[in-house]
PDB file of N, CA and C in Angstrom:
ATOM      1  N   MET A   1      -9.086  32.175  -7.963  1.00  0.00           N
ATOM      2  CA  MET A   1      -7.711  31.725  -7.864  1.00  0.00           C
ATOM      3  C   MET A   1      -7.522  30.561  -8.832  1.00  0.00           C
ATOM      4  N   ASN A   2      -6.503  30.611  -9.657  1.00  0.00           N
ATOM      5  CA  ASN A   2      -6.263  29.530 -10.595  1.00  0.00           C
ATOM      6  C   ASN A   2      -5.093  28.668 -10.109  1.00  0.00           C
ATOM      7  N   ALA A   3      -4.766  27.639 -10.881  1.00  0.00           N
ATOM      8  CA  ALA A   3      -3.726  26.693 -10.478  1.00  0.00           C
ATOM      9  C   ALA A   3      -2.359  27.352 -10.336  1.00  0.00           C
ATOM     10  N   LYS A   4      -2.101  28.432 -11.069  1.00  0.00           N
ATOM     11  CA  LYS A   4      -0.807  29.102 -10.994  1.00  0.00           C
ATOM     12  C   LYS A   4      -0.654  29.888  -9.691  1.00  0.00           C
ATOM     13  N   ASN A   5      -1.758  30.268  -9.110  1.00  0.00           N
ATOM     14  CA  ASN A   5      -1.741  31.098  -7.905  1.00  0.00           C
ATOM     15  C   ASN A   5      -2.190  30.322  -6.679  1.00  0.00           C
ATOM     16  N   LYS A   6      -1.618  29.148  -6.445  1.00  0.00           N
ATOM     17  CA  LYS A   6      -1.982  28.357  -5.281  1.00  0.00           C
ATOM     18  C   LYS A   6      -1.541  29.084  -4.019  1.00  0.00           C
ATOM     19  N   PRO A   7      -2.327  28.979  -2.947  1.00  0.00           N
ATOM     20  CA  PRO A   7      -1.949  29.649  -1.709  1.00  0.00           C
ATOM     21  C   PRO A   7      -0.729  28.986  -1.068  1.00  0.00           C
ATOM     22  N   VAL A   8       0.042  29.774  -0.365  1.00  0.00           N
ATOM     23  CA  VAL A   8       1.185  29.272   0.384  1.00  0.00           C
ATOM     24  C   VAL A   8       0.712  29.038   1.809  1.00  0.00           C
ATOM     25  N   ILE A   9       0.951  27.846   2.327  1.00  0.00           N
ATOM     26  CA  ILE A   9       0.530  27.514   3.688  1.00  0.00           C
ATOM     27  C   ILE A   9       1.701  27.781   4.632  1.00  0.00           C
ATOM     28  N   ILE A  10       1.472  28.589   5.649  1.00  0.00           N
ATOM     29  CA  ILE A  10       2.506  28.924   6.627  1.00  0.00           C
ATOM     30  C   ILE A  10       1.984  28.543   8.004  1.00  0.00           C
ATOM     31  N   VAL A  11       2.776  27.753   8.735  1.00  0.00           N
ATOM     32  CA  VAL A  11       2.402  27.357  10.090  1.00  0.00           C
ATOM     33  C   VAL A  11       3.327  28.078  11.051  1.00  0.00           C
ATOM     34  N   LEU A  12       2.781  28.979  11.834  1.00  0.00           N
ATOM     35  CA  LEU A  12       3.582  29.741  12.791  1.00  0.00           C
ATOM     36  C   LEU A  12       3.778  28.984  14.097  1.00  0.00           C
ATOM     37  N   ASP A  13       2.809  28.160  14.462  1.00  0.00           N
ATOM     38  CA  ASP A  13       2.898  27.423  15.709  1.00  0.00           C
ATOM     39  C   ASP A  13       3.751  26.175  15.497  1.00  0.00           C
ATOM     40  N   LYS A  14       5.013  26.212  15.872  1.00  0.00           N
ATOM     41  CA  LYS A  14       5.937  25.100  15.648  1.00  0.00           C
ATOM     42  C   LYS A  14       5.699  23.942  16.608  1.00  0.00           C
ATOM     43  N   SER A  15       4.798  24.125  17.575  1.00  0.00           N
ATOM     44  CA  SER A  15       4.512  23.037  18.511  1.00  0.00           C
ATOM     45  C   SER A  15       3.583  21.986  17.898  1.00  0.00           C
ATOM     46  N   ILE A  16       2.989  22.297  16.754  1.00  0.00           N
ATOM     47  CA  ILE A  16       2.132  21.328  16.086  1.00  0.00           C
ATOM     48  C   ILE A  16       3.030  20.245  15.490  1.00  0.00           C
ATOM     49  N   PRO A  17       2.848  19.003  15.926  1.00  0.00           N
ATOM     50  CA  PRO A  17       3.735  17.938  15.435  1.00  0.00           C
ATOM     51  C   PRO A  17       3.511  17.659  13.952  1.00  0.00           C
ATOM     52  N   LYS A  18       4.601  17.373  13.263  1.00  0.00           N
ATOM     53  CA  LYS A  18       4.488  16.971  11.869  1.00  0.00           C
ATOM     54  C   LYS A  18       4.041  15.523  11.843  1.00  0.00           C
ATOM     55  N   LYS A  19       3.171  15.223  10.910  1.00  0.00           N
ATOM     56  CA  LYS A  19       2.702  13.850  10.775  1.00  0.00           C
ATOM     57  C   LYS A  19       3.846  12.987  10.264  1.00  0.00           C
ATOM     58  N   GLU A  20       4.120  11.940  10.990  1.00  0.00           N
ATOM     59  CA  GLU A  20       5.154  11.009  10.548  1.00  0.00           C
ATOM     60  C   GLU A  20       4.547  10.113   9.478  1.00  0.00           C
ATOM     61  N   LYS A  21       5.191  10.052   8.332  1.00  0.00           N
ATOM     62  CA  LYS A  21       4.665   9.260   7.228  1.00  0.00           C
ATOM     63  C   LYS A  21       4.917   7.779   7.477  1.00  0.00           C
ATOM     64  N   LYS A  22       3.957   6.976   7.019  1.00  0.00           N
ATOM     65  CA  LYS A  22       4.041   5.534   7.173  1.00  0.00           C
ATOM     66  C   LYS A  22       4.272   4.893   5.806  1.00  0.00           C
ATOM     67  N   PRO A  23       5.150   3.907   5.740  1.00  0.00           N
ATOM     68  CA  PRO A  23       5.366   3.211   4.467  1.00  0.00           C
ATOM     69  C   PRO A  23       4.232   2.227   4.173  1.00  0.00           C
ATOM     70  N   ILE A  24       4.208   1.755   2.945  1.00  0.00           N
ATOM     71  CA  ILE A  24       3.284   0.686   2.577  1.00  0.00           C
ATOM     72  C   ILE A  24       3.644  -0.529   3.427  1.00  0.00           C
ATOM     73  N   GLN A  25       2.632  -1.158   4.011  1.00  0.00           N
ATOM     74  CA  GLN A  25       2.854  -2.342   4.832  1.00  0.00           C
ATOM     75  C   GLN A  25       2.001  -3.484   4.289  1.00  0.00           C
ATOM     76  N   VAL A  26       2.549  -4.695   4.274  1.00  0.00           N
ATOM     77  CA  VAL A  26       1.778  -5.852   3.835  1.00  0.00           C
ATOM     78  C   VAL A  26       1.663  -6.842   4.990  1.00  0.00           C
ATOM     79  N   THR A  27       0.560  -7.594   4.998  1.00  0.00           N
ATOM     80  CA  THR A  27       0.325  -8.559   6.072  1.00  0.00           C
ATOM     81  C   THR A  27       0.108  -9.976   5.541  1.00  0.00           C
ATOM     82  N   HIS A  28      -0.446 -10.113   4.346  1.00  0.00           N
ATOM     83  CA  HIS A  28      -0.772 -11.422   3.770  1.00  0.00           C
ATOM     84  C   HIS A  28      -0.516 -11.416   2.266  1.00  0.00           C
ATOM     85  N   PHE A  29      -0.288 -12.610   1.720  1.00  0.00           N
ATOM     86  CA  PHE A  29      -0.211 -12.748   0.263  1.00  0.00           C
ATOM     87  C   PHE A  29      -1.138 -13.883  -0.159  1.00  0.00           C
ATOM     88  N   LEU A  30      -1.543 -13.857  -1.410  1.00  0.00           N
ATOM     89  CA  LEU A  30      -2.419 -14.886  -1.956  1.00  0.00           C
ATOM     90  C   LEU A  30      -1.545 -16.032  -2.446  1.00  0.00           C
ATOM     91  N   ASN A  31      -1.643 -17.195  -1.793  1.00  0.00           N
ATOM     92  CA  ASN A  31      -0.766 -18.319  -2.145  1.00  0.00           C
ATOM     93  C   ASN A  31      -1.283 -19.086  -3.368  1.00  0.00           C
ATOM     94  N   GLU A  32      -0.565 -20.140  -3.742  1.00  0.00           N
ATOM     95  CA  GLU A  32      -0.900 -20.914  -4.942  1.00  0.00           C
ATOM     96  C   GLU A  32      -2.266 -21.577  -4.850  1.00  0.00           C
ATOM     97  N   ASP A  33      -2.730 -21.843  -3.621  1.00  0.00           N
ATOM     98  CA  ASP A  33      -4.041 -22.461  -3.417  1.00  0.00           C
ATOM     99  C   ASP A  33      -5.160 -21.428  -3.350  1.00  0.00           C
ATOM    100  N   LEU A  34      -4.817 -20.168  -3.637  1.00  0.00           N
ATOM    101  CA  LEU A  34      -5.754 -19.052  -3.619  1.00  0.00           C
ATOM    102  C   LEU A  34      -6.352 -18.807  -2.234  1.00  0.00           C
ATOM    103  N   HIS A  35      -5.487 -18.966  -1.217  1.00  0.00           N
ATOM    104  CA  HIS A  35      -5.855 -18.640   0.155  1.00  0.00           C
ATOM    105  C   HIS A  35      -4.862 -17.610   0.672  1.00  0.00           C
ATOM    106  N   TRP A  36      -5.336 -16.730   1.548  1.00  0.00           N
ATOM    107  CA  TRP A  36      -4.447 -15.715   2.120  1.00  0.00           C
ATOM    108  C   TRP A  36      -3.548 -16.356   3.163  1.00  0.00           C
ATOM    109  N   GLU A  37      -2.277 -16.062   3.076  1.00  0.00           N
ATOM    110  CA  GLU A  37      -1.286 -16.593   4.004  1.00  0.00           C
ATOM    111  C   GLU A  37      -0.537 -15.420   4.623  1.00  0.00           C
ATOM    112  N   GLY A  38      -0.349 -15.465   5.921  1.00  0.00           N
ATOM    113  CA  GLY A  38       0.343 -14.377   6.600  1.00  0.00           C
ATOM    114  C   GLY A  38       1.787 -14.250   6.148  1.00  0.00           C
ATOM    115  N   TRP A  39       2.215 -13.028   5.867  1.00  0.00           N
ATOM    116  CA  TRP A  39       3.599 -12.751   5.476  1.00  0.00           C
ATOM    117  C   TRP A  39       3.920 -11.298   5.808  1.00  0.00           C
ATOM    118  N   PRO A  40       3.885 -10.955   7.100  1.00  0.00           N
ATOM    119  CA  PRO A  40       4.089  -9.557   7.489  1.00  0.00           C
ATOM    120  C   PRO A  40       5.513  -9.057   7.276  1.00  0.00           C
ATOM    121  N   THR A  41       6.456  -9.952   7.004  1.00  0.00           N
ATOM    122  CA  THR A  41       7.844  -9.523   6.801  1.00  0.00           C
ATOM    123  C   THR A  41       8.230  -9.444   5.329  1.00  0.00           C
ATOM    124  N   ALA A  42       7.252  -9.570   4.444  1.00  0.00           N
ATOM    125  CA  ALA A  42       7.534  -9.524   3.006  1.00  0.00           C
ATOM    126  C   ALA A  42       8.193  -8.196   2.640  1.00  0.00           C
ATOM    127  N   ASP A  43       9.229  -8.264   1.829  1.00  0.00           N
ATOM    128  CA  ASP A  43       9.944  -7.068   1.388  1.00  0.00           C
ATOM    129  C   ASP A  43       9.517  -6.742  -0.033  1.00  0.00           C
ATOM    130  N   ILE A  44       8.558  -5.846  -0.182  1.00  0.00           N
ATOM    131  CA  ILE A  44       8.045  -5.540  -1.515  1.00  0.00           C
ATOM    132  C   ILE A  44       8.929  -4.543  -2.249  1.00  0.00           C
ATOM    133  N   ARG A  45       9.972  -4.047  -1.595  1.00  0.00           N
ATOM    134  CA  ARG A  45      10.899  -3.126  -2.268  1.00  0.00           C
ATOM    135  C   ARG A  45      11.619  -3.785  -3.439  1.00  0.00           C
ATOM    136  N   VAL A  46      11.695  -5.097  -3.427  1.00  0.00           N
ATOM    137  CA  VAL A  46      12.434  -5.806  -4.472  1.00  0.00           C
ATOM    138  C   VAL A  46      11.693  -5.814  -5.805  1.00  0.00           C
ATOM    139  N   TYR A  47      10.421  -5.428  -5.787  1.00  0.00           N
ATOM    140  CA  TYR A  47       9.634  -5.404  -7.019  1.00  0.00           C
ATOM    141  C   TYR A  47       9.702  -4.033  -7.679  1.00  0.00           C
ATOM    142  N   LYS A  48       9.719  -4.055  -8.993  1.00  0.00           N
ATOM    143  CA  LYS A  48       9.823  -2.811  -9.751  1.00  0.00           C
ATOM    144  C   LYS A  48       8.508  -2.032  -9.772  1.00  0.00           C
ATOM    145  N   TYR A  49       7.392  -2.740  -9.759  1.00  0.00           N
ATOM    146  CA  TYR A  49       6.078  -2.105  -9.823  1.00  0.00           C
ATOM    147  C   TYR A  49       5.247  -2.519  -8.610  1.00  0.00           C
ATOM    148  N   ILE A  50       4.638  -1.541  -7.981  1.00  0.00           N
ATOM    149  CA  ILE A  50       3.745  -1.769  -6.842  1.00  0.00           C
ATOM    150  C   ILE A  50       2.469  -0.994  -7.130  1.00  0.00           C
ATOM    151  N   GLU A  51       1.357  -1.713  -7.272  1.00  0.00           N
ATOM    152  CA  GLU A  51       0.092  -1.079  -7.647  1.00  0.00           C
ATOM    153  C   GLU A  51      -0.950  -1.234  -6.545  1.00  0.00           C
ATOM    154  N   LEU A  52      -1.677  -0.177  -6.303  1.00  0.00           N
ATOM    155  CA  LEU A  52      -2.854  -0.263  -5.443  1.00  0.00           C
ATOM    156  C   LEU A  52      -4.010  -0.701  -6.332  1.00  0.00           C
ATOM    157  N   VAL A  53      -4.567  -1.866  -6.054  1.00  0.00           N
ATOM    158  CA  VAL A  53      -5.690  -2.372  -6.844  1.00  0.00           C
ATOM    159  C   VAL A  53      -6.988  -1.784  -6.308  1.00  0.00           C
ATOM    160  N   VAL A  54      -7.184  -1.878  -5.014  1.00  0.00           N
ATOM    161  CA  VAL A  54      -8.399  -1.341  -4.401  1.00  0.00           C
ATOM    162  C   VAL A  54      -8.142  -1.088  -2.914  1.00  0.00           C
ATOM    163  N   ARG A  55      -8.738  -0.026  -2.413  1.00  0.00           N
ATOM    164  CA  ARG A  55      -8.669   0.275  -0.973  1.00  0.00           C
ATOM    165  C   ARG A  55      -9.834  -0.405  -0.264  1.00  0.00           C
ATOM    166  N   ASN A  56      -9.617  -0.720   0.991  1.00  0.00           N
ATOM    167  CA  ASN A  56     -10.656  -1.324   1.834  1.00  0.00           C
ATOM    168  C   ASN A  56     -11.236  -2.603   1.235  1.00  0.00           C
ATOM    169  N   TYR A  57     -10.362  -3.456   0.739  1.00  0.00           N
ATOM    170  CA  TYR A  57     -10.759  -4.756   0.201  1.00  0.00           C
ATOM    171  C   TYR A  57     -11.236  -5.622   1.358  1.00  0.00           C
ATOM    172  N   ILE A  58     -12.348  -6.292   1.172  1.00  0.00           N
ATOM    173  CA  ILE A  58     -12.892  -7.136   2.231  1.00  0.00           C
ATOM    174  C   ILE A  58     -12.935  -8.571   1.729  1.00  0.00           C
ATOM    175  N   ASP A  59     -12.345  -9.473   2.505  1.00  0.00           N
ATOM    176  CA  ASP A  59     -12.324 -10.887   2.159  1.00  0.00           C
ATOM    177  C   ASP A  59     -12.854 -11.661   3.354  1.00  0.00           C
ATOM    178  N   GLU A  60     -13.856 -12.493   3.134  1.00  0.00           N
ATOM    179  CA  GLU A  60     -14.466 -13.244   4.233  1.00  0.00           C
ATOM    180  C   GLU A  60     -13.481 -14.203   4.881  1.00  0.00           C
ATOM    181  N   GLU A  61     -12.452 -14.637   4.148  1.00  0.00           N
ATOM    182  CA  GLU A  61     -11.469 -15.572   4.699  1.00  0.00           C
ATOM    183  C   GLU A  61     -10.661 -14.923   5.830  1.00  0.00           C
ATOM    184  N   ILE A  62     -10.503 -13.613   5.773  1.00  0.00           N
ATOM    185  CA  ILE A  62      -9.717 -12.908   6.780  1.00  0.00           C
ATOM    186  C   ILE A  62     -10.621 -11.878   7.451  1.00  0.00           C
ATOM    187  N   ASP A  63     -11.436 -12.345   8.386  1.00  0.00           N
ATOM    188  CA  ASP A  63     -12.388 -11.457   9.056  1.00  0.00           C
ATOM    189  C   ASP A  63     -11.693 -10.305   9.758  1.00  0.00           C
ATOM    190  N   ASP A  64     -10.612 -10.601  10.463  1.00  0.00           N
ATOM    191  CA  ASP A  64      -9.945  -9.567  11.259  1.00  0.00           C
ATOM    192  C   ASP A  64      -9.183  -8.576  10.404  1.00  0.00           C
ATOM    193  N   GLU A  65      -9.025  -8.858   9.134  1.00  0.00           N
ATOM    194  CA  GLU A  65      -8.263  -7.973   8.261  1.00  0.00           C
ATOM    195  C   GLU A  65      -9.167  -7.203   7.290  1.00  0.00           C
ATOM    196  N   SER A  66     -10.457  -7.191   7.535  1.00  0.00           N
ATOM    197  CA  SER A  66     -11.363  -6.459   6.651  1.00  0.00           C
ATOM    198  C   SER A  66     -10.927  -5.007   6.540  1.00  0.00           C
ATOM    199  N   GLY A  67     -11.019  -4.482   5.352  1.00  0.00           N
ATOM    200  CA  GLY A  67     -10.654  -3.090   5.150  1.00  0.00           C
ATOM    201  C   GLY A  67      -9.196  -2.893   4.789  1.00  0.00           C
ATOM    202  N   LYS A  68      -8.459  -3.967   4.580  1.00  0.00           N
ATOM    203  CA  LYS A  68      -7.078  -3.843   4.130  1.00  0.00           C
ATOM    204  C   LYS A  68      -7.083  -3.466   2.647  1.00  0.00           C
ATOM    205  N   ASP A  69      -5.958  -2.963   2.180  1.00  0.00           N
ATOM    206  CA  ASP A  69      -5.823  -2.599   0.777  1.00  0.00           C
ATOM    207  C   ASP A  69      -5.271  -3.779  -0.012  1.00  0.00           C
ATOM    208  N   LEU A  70      -5.739  -3.943  -1.246  1.00  0.00           N
ATOM    209  CA  LEU A  70      -5.265  -5.006  -2.125  1.00  0.00           C
ATOM    210  C   LEU A  70      -4.155  -4.425  -2.995  1.00  0.00           C
ATOM    211  N   ILE A  71      -2.960  -5.015  -2.896  1.00  0.00           N
ATOM    212  CA  ILE A  71      -1.755  -4.483  -3.541  1.00  0.00           C
ATOM    213  C   ILE A  71      -1.161  -5.553  -4.450  1.00  0.00           C
ATOM    214  N   PHE A  72      -0.832  -5.174  -5.693  1.00  0.00           N
ATOM    215  CA  PHE A  72      -0.255  -6.094  -6.672  1.00  0.00           C
ATOM    216  C   PHE A  72       1.178  -5.664  -6.959  1.00  0.00           C
ATOM    217  N   VAL A  73       2.118  -6.623  -6.881  1.00  0.00           N
ATOM    218  CA  VAL A  73       3.526  -6.310  -7.142  1.00  0.00           C
ATOM    219  C   VAL A  73       4.062  -7.224  -8.242  1.00  0.00           C
ATOM    220  N   TYR A  74       4.935  -6.668  -9.083  1.00  0.00           N
ATOM    221  CA  TYR A  74       5.523  -7.440 -10.174  1.00  0.00           C
ATOM    222  C   TYR A  74       6.751  -6.704 -10.697  1.00  0.00           C
ATOM    223  N   ASP A  75       7.533  -7.404 -11.518  1.00  0.00           N
ATOM    224  CA  ASP A  75       8.760  -6.820 -12.076  1.00  0.00           C
ATOM    225  C   ASP A  75       8.641  -6.430 -13.538  1.00  0.00           C
ATOM    226  N   ASP A  76       7.961  -7.240 -14.321  1.00  0.00           N
ATOM    227  CA  ASP A  76       7.926  -7.037 -15.766  1.00  0.00           C
ATOM    228  C   ASP A  76       6.482  -6.837 -16.231  1.00  0.00           C
ATOM    229  N   PRO A  77       6.176  -5.673 -16.811  1.00  0.00           N
ATOM    230  CA  PRO A  77       4.806  -5.432 -17.275  1.00  0.00           C
ATOM    231  C   PRO A  77       4.322  -6.450 -18.308  1.00  0.00           C
ATOM    232  N   LYS A  78       5.254  -7.111 -18.987  1.00  0.00           N
ATOM    233  CA  LYS A  78       4.874  -8.114 -19.982  1.00  0.00           C
ATOM    234  C   LYS A  78       4.639  -9.483 -19.341  1.00  0.00           C
ATOM    235  N   LYS A  79       5.013  -9.622 -18.058  1.00  0.00           N
ATOM    236  CA  LYS A  79       4.837 -10.888 -17.344  1.00  0.00           C
ATOM    237  C   LYS A  79       4.128 -10.635 -16.009  1.00  0.00           C
ATOM    238  N   ARG A  80       3.021  -9.934 -16.091  1.00  0.00           N
ATOM    239  CA  ARG A  80       2.282  -9.608 -14.866  1.00  0.00           C
ATOM    240  C   ARG A  80       1.779 -10.868 -14.167  1.00  0.00           C
ATOM    241  N   SER A  81       1.667 -11.962 -14.904  1.00  0.00           N
ATOM    242  CA  SER A  81       1.214 -13.210 -14.294  1.00  0.00           C
ATOM    243  C   SER A  81       2.224 -13.742 -13.278  1.00  0.00           C
ATOM    244  N   ASP A  82       3.437 -13.235 -13.287  1.00  0.00           N
ATOM    245  CA  ASP A  82       4.454 -13.628 -12.312  1.00  0.00           C
ATOM    246  C   ASP A  82       4.369 -12.796 -11.034  1.00  0.00           C
ATOM    247  N   GLY A  83       3.414 -11.882 -10.964  1.00  0.00           N
ATOM    248  CA  GLY A  83       3.292 -10.993  -9.809  1.00  0.00           C
ATOM    249  C   GLY A  83       2.616 -11.667  -8.630  1.00  0.00           C
ATOM    250  N   LEU A  84       2.556 -10.944  -7.529  1.00  0.00           N
ATOM    251  CA  LEU A  84       1.925 -11.423  -6.307  1.00  0.00           C
ATOM    252  C   LEU A  84       0.878 -10.421  -5.829  1.00  0.00           C
ATOM    253  N   LEU A  85      -0.177 -10.935  -5.212  1.00  0.00           N
ATOM    254  CA  LEU A  85      -1.190 -10.089  -4.579  1.00  0.00           C
ATOM    255  C   LEU A  85      -0.960 -10.089  -3.078  1.00  0.00           C
ATOM    256  N   PHE A  86      -1.014  -8.912  -2.493  1.00  0.00           N
ATOM    257  CA  PHE A  86      -0.844  -8.763  -1.056  1.00  0.00           C
ATOM    258  C   PHE A  86      -2.039  -8.023  -0.462  1.00  0.00           C
ATOM    259  N   LEU A  87      -2.298  -8.267   0.802  1.00  0.00           N
ATOM    260  CA  LEU A  87      -3.187  -7.441   1.601  1.00  0.00           C
ATOM    261  C   LEU A  87      -2.304  -6.621   2.525  1.00  0.00           C
ATOM    262  N   GLY A  88      -2.663  -5.385   2.732  1.00  0.00           N
ATOM    263  CA  GLY A  88      -1.876  -4.558   3.626  1.00  0.00           C
ATOM    264  C   GLY A  88      -2.449  -3.165   3.735  1.00  0.00           C
ATOM    265  N   ASN A  89      -1.582  -2.227   4.051  1.00  0.00           N
ATOM    266  CA  ASN A  89      -1.977  -0.824   4.182  1.00  0.00           C
ATOM    267  C   ASN A  89      -1.163   0.020   3.215  1.00  0.00           C
ATOM    268  N   TRP A  90      -1.833   0.713   2.316  1.00  0.00           N
ATOM    269  CA  TRP A  90      -1.186   1.565   1.320  1.00  0.00           C
ATOM    270  C   TRP A  90      -0.516   2.750   1.988  1.00  0.00           C
ATOM    271  N   ASN A  91      -1.085   3.232   3.070  1.00  0.00           N
ATOM    272  CA  ASN A  91      -0.546   4.342   3.872  1.00  0.00           C
ATOM    273  C   ASN A  91      -0.139   5.541   3.042  1.00  0.00           C
ATOM    274  N   ASP A  92       1.114   6.007   3.200  1.00  0.00           N
ATOM    275  CA  ASP A  92       1.566   7.219   2.545  1.00  0.00           C
ATOM    276  C   ASP A  92       2.376   6.959   1.268  1.00  0.00           C
ATOM    277  N   VAL A  93       2.211   5.787   0.700  1.00  0.00           N
ATOM    278  CA  VAL A  93       2.710   5.405  -0.620  1.00  0.00           C
ATOM    279  C   VAL A  93       4.228   5.529  -0.780  1.00  0.00           C
ATOM    280  N   PHE A  94       4.963   4.887   0.099  1.00  0.00           N
ATOM    281  CA  PHE A  94       6.389   4.728  -0.116  1.00  0.00           C
ATOM    282  C   PHE A  94       6.824   3.450   0.581  1.00  0.00           C
ATOM    283  N   VAL A  95       7.955   2.920   0.183  1.00  0.00           N
ATOM    284  CA  VAL A  95       8.471   1.696   0.793  1.00  0.00           C
ATOM    285  C   VAL A  95       9.808   1.987   1.447  1.00  0.00           C
ATOM    286  N   VAL A  96      10.104   1.212   2.495  1.00  0.00           N
ATOM    287  CA  VAL A  96      11.390   1.356   3.183  1.00  0.00           C
ATOM    288  C   VAL A  96      12.128   0.053   3.159  1.00  0.00           C
TER     289      VAL A  96
END
């Protein structure tokens, strides 16, 4: 089977729940002192670019948040130094 002939998936049992997709969620940002600061209400939709840097990032400063994803957000590719680093969950890769 080649890429042109991908199989069609058909689910006859409609009782199987559809997975509800989760948006990208952030919990902390890296502040000016290079320490993680809680910011669970941050609205990253305002940024033009949202990049997944690494999954399951582990930082000793945040023991309870081990395994969070490291996310970089910015507006201008020529001024990436104006961006912010966040810890959070990449989830299903969309923002609300």
